[in-house]
Amino acid sequence: MLVLDWQVPDLSGPEVLRWVRDKLPRTIPVLFITSRSGEDDIVEGLAAGADDYMIKPIRRSELVARVQALLRRAYPIQNTSEQIVFNDYLFETRSGRLTLAGKPIEITQKEFDLALLFFRNLGRPLSRAYILEAVWSRDVDIPSRTMDTHVSRVRSKLQLRPENGYRLAPVYSYGYRLEQLTG
């Protein structure tokens, strides 16, 4: 996805967008974010190939909703996936159910979202800020221990221990990382 401002160094946003539409796959969703609110500007941005147009100041939750809508339309196959498998872990995204080796795990929606985030980023350290935004999105003023408590519950409920081939570990002064251990 491309998020583009009208004011781009050396070119205008619509010029960049025309180049993108000419050179890159048409399926890439493009969102214009700009302070230009005139009807002619909006028409020019959309005519140049933008899929959506937002006027500054941006409201955070509206931006998230528009981005999600654009991504759903651009990549529908990725959004229909109801089951995501990581070895013995089966995530059912529509129902929020999780099983380990065929046995259901009692888990809250936040814990499900957190676990899926870790598995989708296996081996990558995730910052506390990134985890906070990805899982709690709108409620960014949660106490810092809330995240730690949820991570601890996910580690326990999913049995993410070295003897089971995984380690969910803190990354000092940064965040957490889920590692898959070999042999």
N, C-alpha and C. Protein backbone atom coordinates (compact mmCIF):
# COMPACT_ATOMS: atom_id res chain seq x y z
N MET A 1 0.84 -1.17 0.00
CA MET A 1 0.00 0.00 0.00
C MET A 1 0.89 1.23 0.00
N LEU A 2 0.44 2.26 -0.71
CA LEU A 2 1.17 3.52 -0.77
C LEU A 2 0.33 4.61 -0.12
N VAL A 3 0.93 5.28 0.86
CA VAL A 3 0.31 6.45 1.48
C VAL A 3 1.13 7.64 1.00
N LEU A 4 0.47 8.58 0.35
CA LEU A 4 1.17 9.64 -0.37
C LEU A 4 0.64 11.01 0.01
N ASP A 5 1.55 11.94 0.24
CA ASP A 5 1.19 13.32 0.50
C ASP A 5 1.26 14.09 -0.81
N TRP A 6 0.54 15.17 -0.90
CA TRP A 6 0.54 16.01 -2.10
C TRP A 6 1.91 16.64 -2.30
N GLN A 7 2.49 17.10 -1.19
CA GLN A 7 3.78 17.78 -1.26
C GLN A 7 4.91 16.76 -1.15
N VAL A 8 5.51 16.43 -2.29
CA VAL A 8 6.62 15.49 -2.36
C VAL A 8 7.80 16.26 -2.94
N PRO A 9 9.03 16.05 -2.42
CA PRO A 9 10.17 16.80 -2.97
C PRO A 9 10.31 16.60 -4.48
N ASP A 10 10.50 17.70 -5.21
CA ASP A 10 10.78 17.72 -6.65
C ASP A 10 9.59 17.42 -7.57
N LEU A 11 8.52 16.83 -7.05
CA LEU A 11 7.35 16.51 -7.88
C LEU A 11 6.09 16.80 -7.08
N SER A 12 4.96 16.76 -7.75
CA SER A 12 3.70 16.84 -7.02
C SER A 12 3.23 15.42 -6.73
N GLY A 13 2.40 15.27 -5.74
CA GLY A 13 1.83 13.97 -5.41
C GLY A 13 1.15 13.31 -6.60
N PRO A 14 0.30 14.06 -7.34
CA PRO A 14 -0.35 13.44 -8.51
C PRO A 14 0.66 12.96 -9.57
N GLU A 15 1.79 13.65 -9.72
CA GLU A 15 2.81 13.19 -10.68
C GLU A 15 3.43 11.87 -10.21
N VAL A 16 3.72 11.78 -8.92
CA VAL A 16 4.25 10.54 -8.37
C VAL A 16 3.24 9.42 -8.56
N LEU A 17 1.98 9.73 -8.29
CA LEU A 17 0.93 8.73 -8.41
C LEU A 17 0.76 8.26 -9.85
N ARG A 18 0.83 9.17 -10.82
CA ARG A 18 0.74 8.75 -12.22
C ARG A 18 1.88 7.81 -12.58
N TRP A 19 3.09 8.10 -12.07
CA TRP A 19 4.24 7.23 -12.32
C TRP A 19 3.99 5.85 -11.69
N VAL A 20 3.48 5.84 -10.43
CA VAL A 20 3.20 4.58 -9.74
C VAL A 20 2.20 3.75 -10.53
N ARG A 21 1.14 4.39 -10.99
CA ARG A 21 0.10 3.67 -11.74
C ARG A 21 0.62 3.16 -13.09
N ASP A 22 1.61 3.86 -13.64
CA ASP A 22 2.17 3.45 -14.92
C ASP A 22 3.18 2.32 -14.75
N LYS A 23 3.94 2.32 -13.68
CA LYS A 23 5.07 1.39 -13.53
C LYS A 23 4.84 0.21 -12.58
N LEU A 24 3.94 0.35 -11.65
CA LEU A 24 3.73 -0.70 -10.64
C LEU A 24 2.37 -1.37 -10.85
N PRO A 25 2.17 -2.54 -10.23
CA PRO A 25 0.88 -3.24 -10.39
C PRO A 25 -0.30 -2.37 -9.98
N ARG A 26 -1.37 -2.47 -10.74
CA ARG A 26 -2.57 -1.66 -10.49
C ARG A 26 -3.25 -2.01 -9.17
N THR A 27 -2.95 -3.18 -8.65
CA THR A 27 -3.63 -3.61 -7.42
C THR A 27 -3.13 -2.89 -6.17
N ILE A 28 -2.01 -2.19 -6.26
CA ILE A 28 -1.48 -1.49 -5.09
C ILE A 28 -2.45 -0.37 -4.69
N PRO A 29 -3.01 -0.45 -3.49
CA PRO A 29 -3.91 0.62 -3.06
C PRO A 29 -3.11 1.89 -2.71
N VAL A 30 -3.68 3.03 -3.06
CA VAL A 30 -3.03 4.32 -2.81
C VAL A 30 -3.99 5.22 -2.04
N LEU A 31 -3.49 5.77 -0.95
CA LEU A 31 -4.26 6.70 -0.13
C LEU A 31 -3.53 8.04 -0.13
N PHE A 32 -4.21 9.08 -0.58
CA PHE A 32 -3.67 10.44 -0.52
C PHE A 32 -3.99 11.01 0.85
N ILE A 33 -2.99 11.58 1.51
CA ILE A 33 -3.20 12.29 2.77
C ILE A 33 -2.60 13.68 2.56
N THR A 34 -3.42 14.70 2.65
CA THR A 34 -2.94 16.04 2.35
C THR A 34 -3.78 17.10 3.05
N SER A 35 -3.24 18.29 3.09
CA SER A 35 -4.00 19.41 3.66
C SER A 35 -4.81 20.12 2.57
N ARG A 36 -4.63 19.73 1.33
CA ARG A 36 -5.36 20.35 0.22
C ARG A 36 -6.79 19.83 0.20
N SER A 37 -7.73 20.71 0.50
CA SER A 37 -9.11 20.28 0.68
C SER A 37 -10.06 20.78 -0.40
N GLY A 38 -9.53 21.47 -1.39
CA GLY A 38 -10.41 21.98 -2.46
C GLY A 38 -10.95 20.86 -3.31
N GLU A 39 -12.16 21.06 -3.82
CA GLU A 39 -12.79 20.04 -4.65
C GLU A 39 -11.92 19.69 -5.86
N ASP A 40 -11.30 20.70 -6.48
CA ASP A 40 -10.44 20.44 -7.64
C ASP A 40 -9.25 19.57 -7.26
N ASP A 41 -8.69 19.80 -6.07
CA ASP A 41 -7.55 19.00 -5.60
C ASP A 41 -7.97 17.54 -5.38
N ILE A 42 -9.11 17.36 -4.76
CA ILE A 42 -9.61 16.00 -4.50
C ILE A 42 -9.85 15.28 -5.82
N VAL A 43 -10.50 15.96 -6.75
CA VAL A 43 -10.76 15.37 -8.06
C VAL A 43 -9.45 15.03 -8.77
N GLU A 44 -8.46 15.92 -8.72
CA GLU A 44 -7.17 15.66 -9.37
C GLU A 44 -6.47 14.45 -8.75
N GLY A 45 -6.50 14.34 -7.42
CA GLY A 45 -5.87 13.20 -6.75
C GLY A 45 -6.54 11.88 -7.11
N LEU A 46 -7.85 11.88 -7.12
CA LEU A 46 -8.57 10.66 -7.48
C LEU A 46 -8.41 10.34 -8.97
N ALA A 47 -8.41 11.36 -9.82
CA ALA A 47 -8.23 11.15 -11.25
C ALA A 47 -6.83 10.62 -11.57
N ALA A 48 -5.86 10.99 -10.75
CA ALA A 48 -4.49 10.51 -10.97
C ALA A 48 -4.34 9.05 -10.57
N GLY A 49 -5.35 8.50 -9.88
CA GLY A 49 -5.31 7.08 -9.55
C GLY A 49 -5.39 6.74 -8.08
N ALA A 50 -5.61 7.71 -7.21
CA ALA A 50 -5.74 7.42 -5.78
C ALA A 50 -7.02 6.63 -5.54
N ASP A 51 -6.96 5.71 -4.59
CA ASP A 51 -8.15 4.93 -4.23
C ASP A 51 -8.96 5.62 -3.14
N ASP A 52 -8.31 6.49 -2.38
CA ASP A 52 -8.99 7.22 -1.32
C ASP A 52 -8.20 8.49 -1.05
N TYR A 53 -8.83 9.44 -0.35
CA TYR A 53 -8.25 10.76 -0.15
C TYR A 53 -8.66 11.23 1.23
N MET A 54 -7.67 11.59 2.05
CA MET A 54 -7.97 12.11 3.39
C MET A 54 -7.35 13.49 3.54
N ILE A 55 -8.09 14.36 4.22
CA ILE A 55 -7.65 15.74 4.43
C ILE A 55 -7.15 15.89 5.86
N LYS A 56 -5.97 16.50 6.00
CA LYS A 56 -5.39 16.76 7.33
C LYS A 56 -6.20 17.81 8.05
N PRO A 57 -6.32 17.77 9.36
CA PRO A 57 -5.67 16.83 10.26
C PRO A 57 -6.36 15.46 10.21
N ILE A 58 -5.55 14.43 10.30
CA ILE A 58 -6.03 13.05 10.20
C ILE A 58 -6.51 12.57 11.56
N ARG A 59 -7.65 11.91 11.55
CA ARG A 59 -8.15 11.25 12.75
C ARG A 59 -7.66 9.81 12.70
N ARG A 60 -6.95 9.42 13.74
CA ARG A 60 -6.26 8.14 13.76
C ARG A 60 -7.16 6.94 13.45
N SER A 61 -8.29 6.83 14.13
CA SER A 61 -9.15 5.66 13.93
C SER A 61 -9.74 5.65 12.52
N GLU A 62 -10.03 6.81 11.97
CA GLU A 62 -10.51 6.87 10.59
C GLU A 62 -9.43 6.40 9.62
N LEU A 63 -8.19 6.81 9.86
CA LEU A 63 -7.08 6.37 9.01
C LEU A 63 -6.95 4.85 9.04
N VAL A 64 -6.98 4.27 10.23
CA VAL A 64 -6.87 2.82 10.36
C VAL A 64 -8.01 2.13 9.61
N ALA A 65 -9.23 2.63 9.77
CA ALA A 65 -10.39 2.03 9.10
C ALA A 65 -10.26 2.13 7.58
N ARG A 66 -9.82 3.27 7.07
CA ARG A 66 -9.67 3.43 5.62
C ARG A 66 -8.57 2.53 5.06
N VAL A 67 -7.45 2.43 5.79
CA VAL A 67 -6.36 1.56 5.35
C VAL A 67 -6.84 0.11 5.33
N GLN A 68 -7.53 -0.32 6.37
CA GLN A 68 -8.03 -1.70 6.41
C GLN A 68 -9.01 -1.96 5.27
N ALA A 69 -9.88 -1.00 4.98
CA ALA A 69 -10.84 -1.17 3.88
C ALA A 69 -10.12 -1.27 2.53
N LEU A 70 -9.13 -0.41 2.32
CA LEU A 70 -8.37 -0.47 1.06
C LEU A 70 -7.63 -1.80 0.92
N LEU A 71 -7.03 -2.27 1.98
CA LEU A 71 -6.31 -3.54 1.93
C LEU A 71 -7.26 -4.72 1.72
N ARG A 72 -8.45 -4.67 2.32
CA ARG A 72 -9.44 -5.74 2.11
C ARG A 72 -9.84 -5.82 0.64
N ARG A 73 -10.07 -4.66 0.04
CA ARG A 73 -10.48 -4.63 -1.37
C ARG A 73 -9.34 -5.04 -2.30
N ALA A 74 -8.12 -4.60 -1.99
CA ALA A 74 -6.98 -4.87 -2.87
C ALA A 74 -6.50 -6.32 -2.78
N TYR A 75 -6.60 -6.90 -1.60
CA TYR A 75 -6.06 -8.24 -1.38
C TYR A 75 -7.11 -9.13 -0.71
N PRO A 76 -8.22 -9.41 -1.41
CA PRO A 76 -9.32 -10.15 -0.76
C PRO A 76 -8.94 -11.57 -0.36
N ILE A 77 -8.06 -12.22 -1.07
CA ILE A 77 -7.70 -13.60 -0.74
C ILE A 77 -7.05 -13.67 0.64
N GLN A 78 -6.24 -12.69 0.97
CA GLN A 78 -5.57 -12.68 2.27
C GLN A 78 -6.55 -12.46 3.40
N ASN A 79 -7.70 -11.89 3.10
CA ASN A 79 -8.66 -11.61 4.16
C ASN A 79 -9.67 -12.73 4.35
N THR A 80 -9.72 -13.67 3.41
CA THR A 80 -10.68 -14.75 3.55
C THR A 80 -10.09 -15.92 4.33
N SER A 81 -8.79 -15.89 4.56
CA SER A 81 -8.14 -16.98 5.27
C SER A 81 -8.71 -17.09 6.67
N GLU A 82 -9.33 -18.21 6.93
CA GLU A 82 -9.91 -18.42 8.25
C GLU A 82 -8.98 -19.23 9.14
N GLN A 83 -8.06 -19.97 8.53
CA GLN A 83 -7.18 -20.82 9.32
C GLN A 83 -5.73 -20.54 8.97
N ILE A 84 -4.95 -20.28 9.99
CA ILE A 84 -3.52 -20.07 9.81
C ILE A 84 -2.82 -21.08 10.71
N VAL A 85 -1.90 -21.85 10.11
CA VAL A 85 -1.27 -22.95 10.83
C VAL A 85 0.22 -22.66 11.03
N PHE A 86 0.67 -22.86 12.25
CA PHE A 86 2.08 -22.80 12.60
C PHE A 86 2.38 -24.09 13.36
N ASN A 87 2.91 -25.08 12.67
CA ASN A 87 3.17 -26.40 13.26
C ASN A 87 1.90 -26.94 13.91
N ASP A 88 1.89 -27.13 15.23
CA ASP A 88 0.72 -27.69 15.92
C ASP A 88 -0.30 -26.63 16.32
N TYR A 89 -0.02 -25.36 16.04
CA TYR A 89 -0.93 -24.28 16.41
C TYR A 89 -1.83 -23.94 15.22
N LEU A 90 -3.13 -23.93 15.46
CA LEU A 90 -4.10 -23.58 14.42
C LEU A 90 -4.89 -22.36 14.89
N PHE A 91 -4.72 -21.25 14.18
CA PHE A 91 -5.44 -20.02 14.47
C PHE A 91 -6.62 -19.92 13.52
N GLU A 92 -7.83 -19.79 14.05
CA GLU A 92 -9.03 -19.57 13.23
C GLU A 92 -9.39 -18.10 13.38
N THR A 93 -9.03 -17.32 12.35
CA THR A 93 -9.09 -15.87 12.49
C THR A 93 -10.51 -15.33 12.61
N ARG A 94 -11.46 -15.92 11.93
CA ARG A 94 -12.83 -15.39 12.00
C ARG A 94 -13.47 -15.62 13.37
N SER A 95 -13.23 -16.79 13.94
CA SER A 95 -13.87 -17.10 15.22
C SER A 95 -13.00 -16.74 16.42
N GLY A 96 -11.71 -16.48 16.19
CA GLY A 96 -10.80 -16.18 17.30
C GLY A 96 -10.46 -17.41 18.11
N ARG A 97 -10.62 -18.60 17.49
CA ARG A 97 -10.30 -19.85 18.20
C ARG A 97 -8.87 -20.26 17.91
N LEU A 98 -8.27 -20.91 18.90
CA LEU A 98 -6.91 -21.38 18.77
C LEU A 98 -6.83 -22.79 19.32
N THR A 99 -6.17 -23.67 18.57
CA THR A 99 -5.97 -25.03 19.07
C THR A 99 -4.48 -25.36 19.02
N LEU A 100 -4.08 -26.23 19.93
CA LEU A 100 -2.72 -26.74 19.98
C LEU A 100 -2.82 -28.26 19.88
N ALA A 101 -2.29 -28.80 18.79
CA ALA A 101 -2.36 -30.24 18.53
C ALA A 101 -3.80 -30.75 18.62
N GLY A 102 -4.73 -29.96 18.07
CA GLY A 102 -6.13 -30.34 18.03
C GLY A 102 -6.93 -30.05 19.29
N LYS A 103 -6.26 -29.59 20.35
CA LYS A 103 -6.96 -29.30 21.61
C LYS A 103 -7.19 -27.80 21.72
N PRO A 104 -8.44 -27.39 21.99
CA PRO A 104 -8.72 -25.95 22.10
C PRO A 104 -8.00 -25.31 23.28
N ILE A 105 -7.58 -24.07 23.06
CA ILE A 105 -6.94 -23.29 24.12
C ILE A 105 -7.91 -22.17 24.49
N GLU A 106 -8.24 -22.07 25.77
CA GLU A 106 -9.10 -20.99 26.25
C GLU A 106 -8.28 -19.71 26.23
N ILE A 107 -8.71 -18.75 25.41
CA ILE A 107 -7.90 -17.56 25.21
C ILE A 107 -8.82 -16.37 24.94
N THR A 108 -8.45 -15.20 25.45
CA THR A 108 -9.24 -13.99 25.19
C THR A 108 -8.89 -13.46 23.79
N GLN A 109 -9.67 -12.53 23.29
CA GLN A 109 -9.40 -11.96 21.97
C GLN A 109 -8.06 -11.24 21.94
N LYS A 110 -7.74 -10.49 22.99
CA LYS A 110 -6.45 -9.79 23.04
C LYS A 110 -5.30 -10.79 23.04
N GLU A 111 -5.43 -11.87 23.80
CA GLU A 111 -4.40 -12.90 23.83
C GLU A 111 -4.27 -13.57 22.47
N PHE A 112 -5.39 -13.82 21.80
CA PHE A 112 -5.37 -14.39 20.45
C PHE A 112 -4.62 -13.45 19.50
N ASP A 113 -4.97 -12.17 19.53
CA ASP A 113 -4.33 -11.19 18.66
C ASP A 113 -2.83 -11.10 18.94
N LEU A 114 -2.47 -11.13 20.21
CA LEU A 114 -1.07 -11.05 20.60
C LEU A 114 -0.31 -12.30 20.14
N ALA A 115 -0.88 -13.47 20.36
CA ALA A 115 -0.24 -14.72 19.93
C ALA A 115 -0.05 -14.76 18.41
N LEU A 116 -1.09 -14.38 17.69
CA LEU A 116 -1.00 -14.38 16.22
C LEU A 116 0.05 -13.39 15.74
N LEU A 117 0.13 -12.24 16.39
CA LEU A 117 1.16 -11.25 16.05
C LEU A 117 2.56 -11.84 16.23
N PHE A 118 2.78 -12.53 17.34
CA PHE A 118 4.08 -13.14 17.58
C PHE A 118 4.40 -14.21 16.54
N PHE A 119 3.42 -15.07 16.24
CA PHE A 119 3.68 -16.13 15.27
C PHE A 119 3.90 -15.57 13.85
N ARG A 120 3.17 -14.54 13.50
CA ARG A 120 3.37 -13.94 12.17
C ARG A 120 4.72 -13.24 12.06
N ASN A 121 5.33 -12.94 13.19
CA ASN A 121 6.63 -12.27 13.21
C ASN A 121 7.68 -13.14 13.89
N LEU A 122 7.56 -14.43 13.69
CA LEU A 122 8.45 -15.41 14.31
C LEU A 122 9.91 -15.04 14.08
N GLY A 123 10.67 -14.96 15.15
CA GLY A 123 12.09 -14.65 15.07
C GLY A 123 12.42 -13.17 15.06
N ARG A 124 11.41 -12.32 14.88
CA ARG A 124 11.65 -10.87 14.84
C ARG A 124 11.38 -10.25 16.20
N PRO A 125 12.29 -9.40 16.65
CA PRO A 125 11.98 -8.66 17.88
C PRO A 125 10.91 -7.60 17.57
N LEU A 126 9.91 -7.54 18.42
CA LEU A 126 8.83 -6.56 18.25
C LEU A 126 8.91 -5.56 19.40
N SER A 127 8.90 -4.28 19.06
CA SER A 127 8.97 -3.26 20.10
C SER A 127 7.67 -3.20 20.88
N ARG A 128 7.77 -2.72 22.10
CA ARG A 128 6.57 -2.57 22.92
C ARG A 128 5.58 -1.63 22.22
N ALA A 129 6.10 -0.57 21.60
CA ALA A 129 5.23 0.39 20.90
C ALA A 129 4.49 -0.29 19.75
N TYR A 130 5.18 -1.13 19.00
CA TYR A 130 4.56 -1.83 17.87
C TYR A 130 3.48 -2.80 18.36
N ILE A 131 3.81 -3.56 19.40
CA ILE A 131 2.84 -4.50 19.97
C ILE A 131 1.62 -3.75 20.48
N LEU A 132 1.86 -2.66 21.17
CA LEU A 132 0.77 -1.84 21.71
C LEU A 132 -0.16 -1.37 20.60
N GLU A 133 0.43 -0.84 19.54
CA GLU A 133 -0.37 -0.34 18.41
C GLU A 133 -1.11 -1.47 17.71
N ALA A 134 -0.44 -2.61 17.50
CA ALA A 134 -1.04 -3.72 16.75
C ALA A 134 -2.16 -4.40 17.51
N VAL A 135 -2.03 -4.53 18.82
CA VAL A 135 -3.01 -5.30 19.60
C VAL A 135 -4.03 -4.42 20.31
N TRP A 136 -3.57 -3.30 20.85
CA TRP A 136 -4.48 -2.46 21.63
C TRP A 136 -4.95 -1.25 20.84
N SER A 137 -4.43 -1.01 19.68
CA SER A 137 -4.66 0.11 18.76
C SER A 137 -5.21 1.39 19.39
N ARG A 138 -6.46 1.44 19.71
CA ARG A 138 -7.05 2.70 20.18
C ARG A 138 -6.73 3.00 21.63
N ASP A 139 -6.52 1.97 22.42
CA ASP A 139 -6.31 2.15 23.86
C ASP A 139 -4.82 2.19 24.17
N VAL A 140 -4.13 3.25 23.70
CA VAL A 140 -2.69 3.31 23.85
C VAL A 140 -2.23 3.76 25.24
N ASP A 141 -3.16 4.08 26.11
CA ASP A 141 -2.79 4.52 27.45
C ASP A 141 -2.90 3.39 28.47
N ILE A 142 -2.75 2.15 28.03
CA ILE A 142 -2.84 1.04 28.97
C ILE A 142 -1.59 1.02 29.84
N PRO A 143 -1.71 0.55 31.09
CA PRO A 143 -0.52 0.45 31.94
C PRO A 143 0.50 -0.52 31.33
N SER A 144 1.77 -0.24 31.54
CA SER A 144 2.82 -1.06 30.93
C SER A 144 2.76 -2.52 31.39
N ARG A 145 2.31 -2.74 32.61
CA ARG A 145 2.23 -4.12 33.12
C ARG A 145 1.12 -4.91 32.44
N THR A 146 0.16 -4.24 31.83
CA THR A 146 -0.92 -4.94 31.13
C THR A 146 -0.35 -5.79 30.00
N MET A 147 0.56 -5.20 29.21
CA MET A 147 1.17 -5.96 28.11
C MET A 147 1.95 -7.14 28.68
N ASP A 148 2.73 -6.90 29.73
CA ASP A 148 3.54 -7.96 30.32
C ASP A 148 2.66 -9.11 30.82
N THR A 149 1.54 -8.76 31.41
CA THR A 149 0.61 -9.77 31.91
C THR A 149 0.04 -10.59 30.76
N HIS A 150 -0.36 -9.92 29.67
CA HIS A 150 -0.89 -10.64 28.51
C HIS A 150 0.17 -11.55 27.88
N VAL A 151 1.40 -11.04 27.77
CA VAL A 151 2.48 -11.85 27.21
C VAL A 151 2.71 -13.09 28.08
N SER A 152 2.69 -12.91 29.38
CA SER A 152 2.88 -14.03 30.30
C SER A 152 1.76 -15.06 30.14
N ARG A 153 0.54 -14.60 29.99
CA ARG A 153 -0.60 -15.52 29.80
C ARG A 153 -0.48 -16.28 28.48
N VAL A 154 -0.07 -15.57 27.42
CA VAL A 154 0.10 -16.21 26.11
C VAL A 154 1.20 -17.28 26.21
N ARG A 155 2.30 -16.94 26.85
CA ARG A 155 3.41 -17.89 27.02
C ARG A 155 2.92 -19.14 27.74
N SER A 156 2.13 -18.93 28.80
CA SER A 156 1.64 -20.05 29.60
C SER A 156 0.58 -20.87 28.86
N LYS A 157 -0.44 -20.21 28.33
CA LYS A 157 -1.55 -20.92 27.69
C LYS A 157 -1.12 -21.67 26.43
N LEU A 158 -0.17 -21.10 25.68
CA LEU A 158 0.29 -21.73 24.45
C LEU A 158 1.50 -22.63 24.67
N GLN A 159 1.93 -22.72 25.93
CA GLN A 159 3.07 -23.56 26.31
C GLN A 159 4.31 -23.22 25.48
N LEU A 160 4.60 -21.93 25.38
CA LEU A 160 5.73 -21.46 24.58
C LEU A 160 7.01 -21.54 25.42
N ARG A 161 7.47 -22.77 25.58
CA ARG A 161 8.66 -23.05 26.38
C ARG A 161 9.66 -23.82 25.51
N PRO A 162 10.95 -23.73 25.84
CA PRO A 162 11.97 -24.41 25.04
C PRO A 162 11.71 -25.91 24.84
N GLU A 163 11.18 -26.57 25.86
CA GLU A 163 10.92 -28.01 25.71
C GLU A 163 9.83 -28.30 24.67
N ASN A 164 9.05 -27.28 24.31
CA ASN A 164 8.02 -27.44 23.27
C ASN A 164 8.45 -26.81 21.95
N GLY A 165 9.71 -26.37 21.86
CA GLY A 165 10.24 -25.87 20.60
C GLY A 165 10.11 -24.36 20.37
N TYR A 166 9.58 -23.64 21.36
CA TYR A 166 9.42 -22.19 21.21
C TYR A 166 9.91 -21.48 22.46
N ARG A 167 10.31 -20.23 22.29
CA ARG A 167 10.65 -19.39 23.44
C ARG A 167 10.10 -18.00 23.16
N LEU A 168 9.24 -17.53 24.04
CA LEU A 168 8.72 -16.16 23.97
C LEU A 168 9.51 -15.38 25.02
N ALA A 169 10.45 -14.58 24.54
CA ALA A 169 11.40 -13.95 25.44
C ALA A 169 11.36 -12.44 25.35
N PRO A 170 11.64 -11.78 26.48
CA PRO A 170 11.76 -10.32 26.43
C PRO A 170 13.06 -9.93 25.72
N VAL A 171 13.01 -8.80 25.05
CA VAL A 171 14.20 -8.21 24.45
C VAL A 171 14.47 -6.97 25.29
N TYR A 172 15.58 -6.97 26.00
CA TYR A 172 15.87 -5.94 26.99
C TYR A 172 15.69 -4.54 26.43
N SER A 173 14.92 -3.74 27.14
CA SER A 173 14.69 -2.33 26.81
C SER A 173 14.04 -2.12 25.45
N TYR A 174 13.37 -3.16 24.92
CA TYR A 174 12.78 -3.03 23.58
C TYR A 174 11.37 -3.61 23.52
N GLY A 175 11.26 -4.92 23.74
CA GLY A 175 9.95 -5.56 23.61
C GLY A 175 10.05 -7.06 23.82
N TYR A 176 9.54 -7.82 22.84
CA TYR A 176 9.50 -9.29 22.94
C TYR A 176 9.82 -9.91 21.59
N ARG A 177 10.24 -11.19 21.65
CA ARG A 177 10.48 -11.95 20.42
C ARG A 177 10.06 -13.39 20.67
N LEU A 178 9.31 -13.96 19.70
CA LEU A 178 8.98 -15.38 19.73
C LEU A 178 9.98 -16.07 18.82
N GLU A 179 10.70 -17.06 19.40
CA GLU A 179 11.71 -17.79 18.64
C GLU A 179 11.28 -19.24 18.52
N GLN A 180 11.51 -19.82 17.34
CA GLN A 180 11.31 -21.25 17.17
C GLN A 180 12.68 -21.89 17.33
N LEU A 181 12.76 -22.83 18.25
CA LEU A 181 14.03 -23.48 18.55
C LEU A 181 14.17 -24.74 17.71
N THR A 182 15.37 -25.01 17.27
CA THR A 182 15.59 -26.21 16.46
C THR A 182 16.26 -27.27 17.30
N GLY A 183 15.90 -28.53 16.99
CA GLY A 183 16.44 -29.74 17.54
C GLY A 183 16.86 -29.69 18.92
